[in-house]
Amino acid sequence: MSARFISRKVLGSLATLAFVVVFNFFLFRVVETDPVASLFRGKELTQTQRAELTRQFGLDGSQGEQFVRYLGQTASLNFGRSYSTNQPVWEEIKDKALPTIALVGVAAILSAVLGVMLGIAAAWRRRTKTDYAVTGFTMSTYSMPDFWLGMILLTVFAVGLGWFPVGGITDPASNATGFAKLLDQAQHMVLPAVTLTLAYLGEYAIVMRSSLLDTMREDYLILARAKGLRDVMVRNRHAVPNALLPVVALMAINFGFVLSGAIAVEAIFSWPGLGLATYEALKGPDLPMLQGLFLVFSASVILFNLIADLLYAYLDPRVRTG
């Protein structure tokens, strides 16, 4: 992979990120909000106190002055202070990032692995009951809104059967530490992770099935069968490795989108991550928190798109000359 190709992709991603940073500032300025009035509702404030608080929130001066200040602060990862908690936005994002990364990481891995396996089974048994069952199931879960799917799982397995906790990341009444606490967190993660897994499972299965069907028409597979190789060997050694190329790229792209798409699922299951923080900030509206979260989500999508482009070019040299 040439340095020119890599630099072109990196510069393109940086240009996209720069646009997002500028767009991020003006997008949320459309929402008229008074953080001083929201935080100090019912309290009598003097004009001096109000002006000082407005300055602390970075809303003093003209919009142009605010924009210049915003660019400097963003470059140093200073996203201001939350209107709701009056805490630094970046610190809150860091505190809530780990639960989201854990949830999204588990769901992304499970959906990719299971989706690929189902896609292989459907393609290799095309137009059979296996193909129809797999395709029907994955298309159904893929078409369901994740919040609706989450509410069904919550109602059936948490409220109805009582197999899993209703929400949160740990039991508030538990004082468990170490491995016991980890098991408690894993139990709380099951339903939201299953929800995200089912929501993205179908995409991997459909892409893998389509890619494998295209690969199965290649001449080298016909030649391999003519040499007497068993179907299992033809599939595992020749067909599947070549059909995995678009799925590998899709995994890199999807991780960024799943990270930003967990808002509804985290809100339903009260999972204390970035998605729930976004939901709470929207109710305010908490302008600095929304700006910080939007920028983090956008940057994650841009980053993983860049990784997908570079990975695809590494796996398929034809892309570099395209």
Protein backbone atom coordinates (compact mmCIF):
# COMPACT_ATOMS: atom_id res chain seq x y z
CA MET A 1 0.00 0.00 0.00
CA SER A 2 1.58 3.27 -1.12
CA ALA A 3 2.12 6.28 1.12
CA ARG A 4 0.23 8.40 -1.42
CA PHE A 5 -2.88 6.25 -1.13
CA ILE A 6 -2.77 6.32 2.69
CA SER A 7 -2.17 10.07 2.85
CA ARG A 8 -5.06 10.70 0.45
CA LYS A 9 -7.43 8.70 2.62
CA VAL A 10 -6.19 10.30 5.84
CA LEU A 11 -6.50 13.83 4.44
CA GLY A 12 -10.01 13.05 3.22
CA SER A 13 -10.99 11.87 6.70
CA LEU A 14 -9.46 14.97 8.32
CA ALA A 15 -11.37 17.22 5.91
CA THR A 16 -14.60 15.43 6.81
CA LEU A 17 -13.83 15.82 10.51
CA ALA A 18 -13.15 19.54 10.03
CA PHE A 19 -16.54 19.95 8.36
CA VAL A 20 -18.20 18.10 11.24
CA VAL A 21 -16.51 20.37 13.80
CA VAL A 22 -17.82 23.50 12.06
CA PHE A 23 -21.26 21.99 11.45
CA ASN A 24 -21.40 20.88 15.09
CA PHE A 25 -21.13 24.47 16.33
CA PHE A 26 -23.84 25.98 14.14
CA LEU A 27 -26.23 22.99 14.33
CA PHE A 28 -26.83 23.28 18.05
CA ARG A 29 -26.94 27.08 18.02
CA VAL A 30 -30.30 26.70 16.28
CA VAL A 31 -31.71 25.53 19.63
CA GLU A 32 -32.41 28.53 21.81
CA THR A 33 -31.57 27.69 25.43
CA ASP A 34 -30.72 29.54 28.60
CA PRO A 35 -28.51 27.34 30.80
CA VAL A 36 -28.52 29.87 33.65
CA ALA A 37 -32.31 29.82 33.81
CA SER A 38 -32.34 25.99 33.64
CA LEU A 39 -29.73 25.44 36.36
CA PHE A 40 -30.86 28.15 38.74
CA ARG A 41 -34.60 27.94 38.27
CA GLY A 42 -36.45 29.59 41.15
CA LYS A 43 -33.40 31.47 42.42
CA GLU A 44 -33.01 35.22 42.29
CA LEU A 45 -29.80 36.17 40.46
CA THR A 46 -28.36 39.62 40.03
CA GLN A 47 -27.38 40.86 36.59
CA THR A 48 -23.71 40.53 37.60
CA GLN A 49 -24.17 36.92 38.69
CA ARG A 50 -26.10 36.09 35.51
CA ALA A 51 -23.41 37.69 33.33
CA GLU A 52 -20.66 35.77 35.16
CA LEU A 53 -22.48 32.46 34.76
CA THR A 54 -23.12 33.18 31.08
CA ARG A 55 -19.38 33.81 30.65
CA GLN A 56 -18.53 30.53 32.41
CA PHE A 57 -20.76 28.65 29.97
CA GLY A 58 -19.01 30.35 27.04
CA LEU A 59 -22.13 32.10 25.74
CA ASP A 60 -20.90 35.65 26.11
CA GLY A 61 -19.86 37.74 23.12
CA SER A 62 -20.97 37.53 19.50
CA GLN A 63 -21.50 34.25 17.67
CA GLY A 64 -18.24 34.80 15.79
CA GLU A 65 -16.33 35.19 19.07
CA GLN A 66 -18.03 32.08 20.42
CA PHE A 67 -17.04 30.16 17.29
CA VAL A 68 -13.34 31.11 17.57
CA ARG A 69 -13.39 30.18 21.25
CA TYR A 70 -15.15 26.90 20.41
CA LEU A 71 -12.47 25.93 17.87
CA GLY A 72 -9.68 26.54 20.37
CA GLN A 73 -11.44 24.64 23.13
CA THR A 74 -12.31 21.71 20.84
CA ALA A 75 -8.68 21.40 19.76
CA SER A 76 -7.74 20.92 23.44
CA LEU A 77 -10.70 18.54 24.08
CA ASN A 78 -12.44 21.17 26.17
CA PHE A 79 -16.12 20.86 25.28
CA GLY A 80 -17.33 23.20 27.99
CA ARG A 81 -19.45 22.37 31.02
CA SER A 82 -22.69 20.44 31.05
CA TYR A 83 -25.78 22.58 31.63
CA SER A 84 -27.36 19.79 33.67
CA THR A 85 -24.50 18.80 36.00
CA ASN A 86 -22.13 21.77 35.64
CA GLN A 87 -19.30 19.25 35.16
CA PRO A 88 -16.73 19.23 32.31
CA VAL A 89 -18.29 17.51 29.31
CA TRP A 90 -15.09 15.66 28.36
CA GLU A 91 -14.82 14.14 31.83
CA GLU A 92 -18.41 12.92 31.67
CA ILE A 93 -17.86 11.46 28.21
CA LYS A 94 -14.75 9.59 29.40
CA ASP A 95 -16.65 8.20 32.41
CA LYS A 96 -19.51 6.93 30.24
CA ALA A 97 -17.44 5.69 27.30
CA LEU A 98 -16.30 2.38 28.82
CA PRO A 99 -19.81 0.90 29.39
CA THR A 100 -20.75 1.80 25.80
CA ILE A 101 -17.55 0.39 24.31
CA ALA A 102 -18.04 -2.85 26.28
CA LEU A 103 -21.66 -3.20 25.17
CA VAL A 104 -21.01 -2.26 21.56
CA GLY A 105 -17.87 -4.41 21.37
CA VAL A 106 -19.67 -7.54 22.54
CA ALA A 107 -22.65 -6.90 20.25
CA ALA A 108 -20.45 -6.13 17.23
CA ILE A 109 -18.42 -9.33 17.64
CA LEU A 110 -21.48 -11.53 18.20
CA SER A 111 -23.44 -10.07 15.29
CA ALA A 112 -20.47 -10.42 12.92
CA VAL A 113 -19.60 -14.00 13.89
CA LEU A 114 -23.18 -15.29 13.96
CA GLY A 115 -24.13 -13.32 10.84
CA VAL A 116 -21.22 -14.76 8.85
CA MET A 117 -22.05 -18.31 9.96
CA LEU A 118 -25.72 -17.90 9.03
CA GLY A 119 -24.79 -16.30 5.70
CA ILE A 120 -22.49 -19.23 4.86
CA ALA A 121 -25.20 -21.75 5.74
CA ALA A 122 -27.80 -19.94 3.65
CA ALA A 123 -25.56 -19.53 0.58
CA TRP A 124 -24.19 -23.06 0.59
CA ARG A 125 -27.73 -24.47 0.85
CA ARG A 126 -29.32 -22.04 -1.55
CA ARG A 127 -33.05 -22.48 -2.20
CA THR A 128 -33.45 -25.03 0.57
CA LYS A 129 -35.36 -24.84 3.86
CA THR A 130 -32.15 -23.72 5.58
CA ASP A 131 -31.75 -20.80 3.18
CA TYR A 132 -35.39 -19.74 3.52
CA ALA A 133 -35.32 -20.02 7.32
CA VAL A 134 -32.06 -18.11 7.74
CA THR A 135 -33.02 -15.41 5.26
CA GLY A 136 -36.48 -14.99 6.77
CA PHE A 137 -35.15 -14.76 10.32
CA THR A 138 -32.30 -12.36 9.59
CA MET A 139 -34.46 -10.12 7.38
CA SER A 140 -37.06 -9.97 10.14
CA THR A 141 -34.60 -8.93 12.84
CA TYR A 142 -32.86 -6.50 10.47
CA SER A 143 -36.15 -4.76 9.67
CA MET A 144 -37.18 -4.38 13.34
CA PRO A 145 -36.40 -1.04 15.04
CA ASP A 146 -33.87 -1.74 17.78
CA PHE A 147 -35.91 0.11 20.44
CA TRP A 148 -38.96 -2.02 19.65
CA LEU A 149 -36.92 -5.21 19.74
CA GLY A 150 -35.40 -4.11 23.04
CA MET A 151 -38.81 -3.46 24.58
CA ILE A 152 -40.01 -6.93 23.56
CA LEU A 153 -36.96 -8.63 25.11
CA LEU A 154 -37.30 -6.48 28.24
CA THR A 155 -41.00 -7.28 28.61
CA VAL A 156 -40.61 -11.02 28.04
CA PHE A 157 -37.32 -11.95 29.69
CA ALA A 158 -36.95 -9.30 32.42
CA VAL A 159 -40.48 -8.32 33.45
CA GLY A 160 -42.36 -11.48 32.49
CA LEU A 161 -39.94 -14.33 33.21
CA GLY A 162 -37.60 -12.46 35.53
CA TRP A 163 -34.52 -14.13 34.06
CA PHE A 164 -32.55 -10.91 33.72
CA PRO A 165 -32.41 -7.52 35.47
CA VAL A 166 -34.75 -4.80 34.22
CA GLY A 167 -31.99 -2.24 33.69
CA GLY A 168 -28.79 -0.61 34.85
CA ILE A 169 -25.28 -2.01 34.85
CA THR A 170 -25.18 -3.42 38.40
CA ASP A 171 -27.62 -4.30 41.16
CA PRO A 172 -27.92 -1.16 43.38
CA ALA A 173 -28.42 -3.33 46.46
CA SER A 174 -25.34 -5.45 45.80
CA ASN A 175 -21.95 -4.85 47.42
CA ALA A 176 -20.18 -7.41 45.23
CA THR A 177 -16.61 -6.79 44.16
CA GLY A 178 -14.12 -8.46 41.85
CA PHE A 179 -15.36 -11.43 39.86
CA ALA A 180 -18.82 -11.38 41.47
CA LYS A 181 -19.30 -7.77 40.35
CA LEU A 182 -18.15 -8.70 36.86
CA LEU A 183 -20.75 -11.48 36.70
CA ASP A 184 -23.41 -9.04 37.87
CA GLN A 185 -22.46 -6.61 35.11
CA ALA A 186 -22.44 -9.41 32.54
CA GLN A 187 -25.95 -10.43 33.57
CA HIS A 188 -27.14 -6.84 33.16
CA MET A 189 -25.47 -6.68 29.73
CA VAL A 190 -27.21 -9.74 28.25
CA LEU A 191 -30.46 -8.15 27.09
CA PRO A 192 -29.04 -4.91 25.61
CA ALA A 193 -26.23 -6.89 23.93
CA VAL A 194 -28.70 -9.40 22.46
CA THR A 195 -30.85 -6.51 21.22
CA LEU A 196 -27.96 -4.89 19.34
CA THR A 197 -26.74 -8.28 18.09
CA LEU A 198 -30.13 -9.15 16.59
CA ALA A 199 -30.47 -5.65 15.12
CA TYR A 200 -27.20 -5.94 13.14
CA LEU A 201 -27.14 -9.71 12.61
CA GLY A 202 -29.12 -9.60 9.39
CA GLU A 203 -26.79 -7.17 7.63
CA TYR A 204 -23.80 -9.50 8.02
CA ALA A 205 -25.82 -12.55 7.01
CA ILE A 206 -27.19 -10.87 3.88
CA VAL A 207 -23.80 -9.50 2.79
CA MET A 208 -22.04 -12.82 3.46
CA ARG A 209 -24.71 -14.81 1.62
CA SER A 210 -24.55 -12.52 -1.41
CA SER A 211 -20.74 -12.46 -1.46
CA LEU A 212 -20.46 -16.24 -1.14
CA LEU A 213 -23.00 -16.81 -3.92
CA ASP A 214 -20.93 -14.59 -6.23
CA THR A 215 -17.75 -16.41 -5.24
CA MET A 216 -19.30 -19.81 -5.89
CA ARG A 217 -19.71 -18.91 -9.57
CA GLU A 218 -15.96 -18.41 -10.02
CA ASP A 219 -14.11 -20.76 -12.34
CA TYR A 220 -11.53 -21.83 -9.76
CA LEU A 221 -14.26 -23.32 -7.56
CA ILE A 222 -15.64 -25.29 -10.48
CA LEU A 223 -12.09 -26.51 -11.18
CA ALA A 224 -11.62 -27.47 -7.53
CA ARG A 225 -14.76 -29.59 -7.61
CA ALA A 226 -13.65 -31.16 -10.89
CA LYS A 227 -10.43 -32.25 -9.19
CA GLY A 228 -12.50 -34.23 -6.72
CA LEU A 229 -12.26 -31.99 -3.65
CA ARG A 230 -15.08 -32.46 -1.20
CA ASP A 231 -17.63 -29.64 -0.89
CA VAL A 232 -16.55 -28.91 2.68
CA MET A 233 -12.94 -28.35 1.60
CA VAL A 234 -13.99 -26.26 -1.39
CA ARG A 235 -16.12 -24.09 0.87
CA ASN A 236 -13.71 -23.68 3.80
CA ARG A 237 -10.41 -23.41 1.88
CA HIS A 238 -11.43 -21.52 -1.23
CA ALA A 239 -14.91 -19.99 -1.19
CA VAL A 240 -15.30 -18.56 2.31
CA PRO A 241 -11.89 -16.79 2.61
CA ASN A 242 -12.49 -14.93 -0.65
CA ALA A 243 -16.11 -14.12 0.20
CA LEU A 244 -15.13 -12.60 3.56
CA LEU A 245 -13.57 -9.50 2.00
CA PRO A 246 -16.68 -7.24 2.00
CA VAL A 247 -17.71 -8.55 5.43
CA VAL A 248 -14.37 -7.55 6.99
CA ALA A 249 -14.78 -4.02 5.63
CA LEU A 250 -18.39 -3.94 6.85
CA MET A 251 -17.28 -4.88 10.38
CA ALA A 252 -14.95 -1.88 10.56
CA ILE A 253 -17.62 0.48 9.25
CA ASN A 254 -20.40 -0.88 11.44
CA PHE A 255 -18.51 -0.51 14.71
CA GLY A 256 -18.63 3.26 14.37
CA PHE A 257 -22.33 3.23 13.51
CA VAL A 258 -23.23 0.81 16.32
CA LEU A 259 -21.36 3.07 18.76
CA SER A 260 -23.53 6.02 17.79
CA GLY A 261 -26.65 3.94 17.29
CA ALA A 262 -26.93 2.54 20.82
CA ILE A 263 -28.89 5.57 22.09
CA ALA A 264 -32.34 3.96 22.08
CA VAL A 265 -31.10 0.63 23.46
CA GLU A 266 -29.17 2.25 26.32
CA ALA A 267 -32.15 4.44 27.16
CA ILE A 268 -34.51 1.44 27.30
CA PHE A 269 -32.21 -0.63 29.50
CA SER A 270 -30.86 2.34 31.53
CA TRP A 271 -27.35 1.37 30.49
CA PRO A 272 -25.11 4.18 31.83
CA GLY A 273 -23.17 4.87 28.65
CA LEU A 274 -22.92 7.50 25.95
CA GLY A 275 -26.29 6.56 24.46
CA LEU A 276 -28.16 7.20 27.72
CA ALA A 277 -26.15 10.42 28.18
CA THR A 278 -27.34 11.55 24.73
CA TYR A 279 -30.95 10.79 25.63
CA GLU A 280 -30.68 12.75 28.87
CA ALA A 281 -28.96 15.67 27.11
CA LEU A 282 -31.73 15.87 24.51
CA LYS A 283 -34.33 16.38 27.22
CA GLY A 284 -32.54 19.53 28.48
CA PRO A 285 -31.44 20.45 25.94
CA ASP A 286 -27.88 20.28 27.25
CA LEU A 287 -26.05 22.07 24.43
CA PRO A 288 -22.38 21.43 25.40
CA MET A 289 -23.08 17.75 26.15
CA LEU A 290 -24.88 17.29 22.84
CA GLN A 291 -22.05 19.01 20.98
CA GLY A 292 -19.42 16.84 22.65
CA LEU A 293 -21.34 13.61 22.07
CA PHE A 294 -22.14 14.46 18.45
CA LEU A 295 -18.47 15.16 17.79
CA VAL A 296 -17.34 11.93 19.47
CA PHE A 297 -19.88 9.83 17.56
CA SER A 298 -19.01 11.51 14.25
CA ALA A 299 -15.28 11.10 14.84
CA SER A 300 -15.77 7.38 15.60
CA VAL A 301 -17.69 6.86 12.34
CA ILE A 302 -15.02 8.75 10.35
CA LEU A 303 -12.20 6.81 12.05
CA PHE A 304 -13.70 3.39 11.40
CA ASN A 305 -14.56 4.33 7.83
CA LEU A 306 -10.89 5.20 7.35
CA ILE A 307 -9.88 1.87 8.89
CA ALA A 308 -12.31 0.08 6.57
CA ASP A 309 -10.90 1.85 3.49
CA LEU A 310 -7.31 0.99 4.40
CA LEU A 311 -8.18 -2.57 5.37
CA TYR A 312 -10.10 -3.16 2.15
CA ALA A 313 -7.22 -1.77 0.10
CA TYR A 314 -4.78 -4.03 1.97
CA LEU A 315 -6.90 -7.12 1.34
CA ASP A 316 -7.75 -6.24 -2.26
CA PRO A 317 -4.89 -4.50 -4.15
CA ARG A 318 -7.25 -3.63 -7.01
CA VAL A 319 -8.81 -0.92 -4.81
CA ARG A 320 -5.53 1.02 -4.60
CA THR A 321 -5.42 1.58 -8.32
CA GLY A 322 -9.13 2.35 -8.64
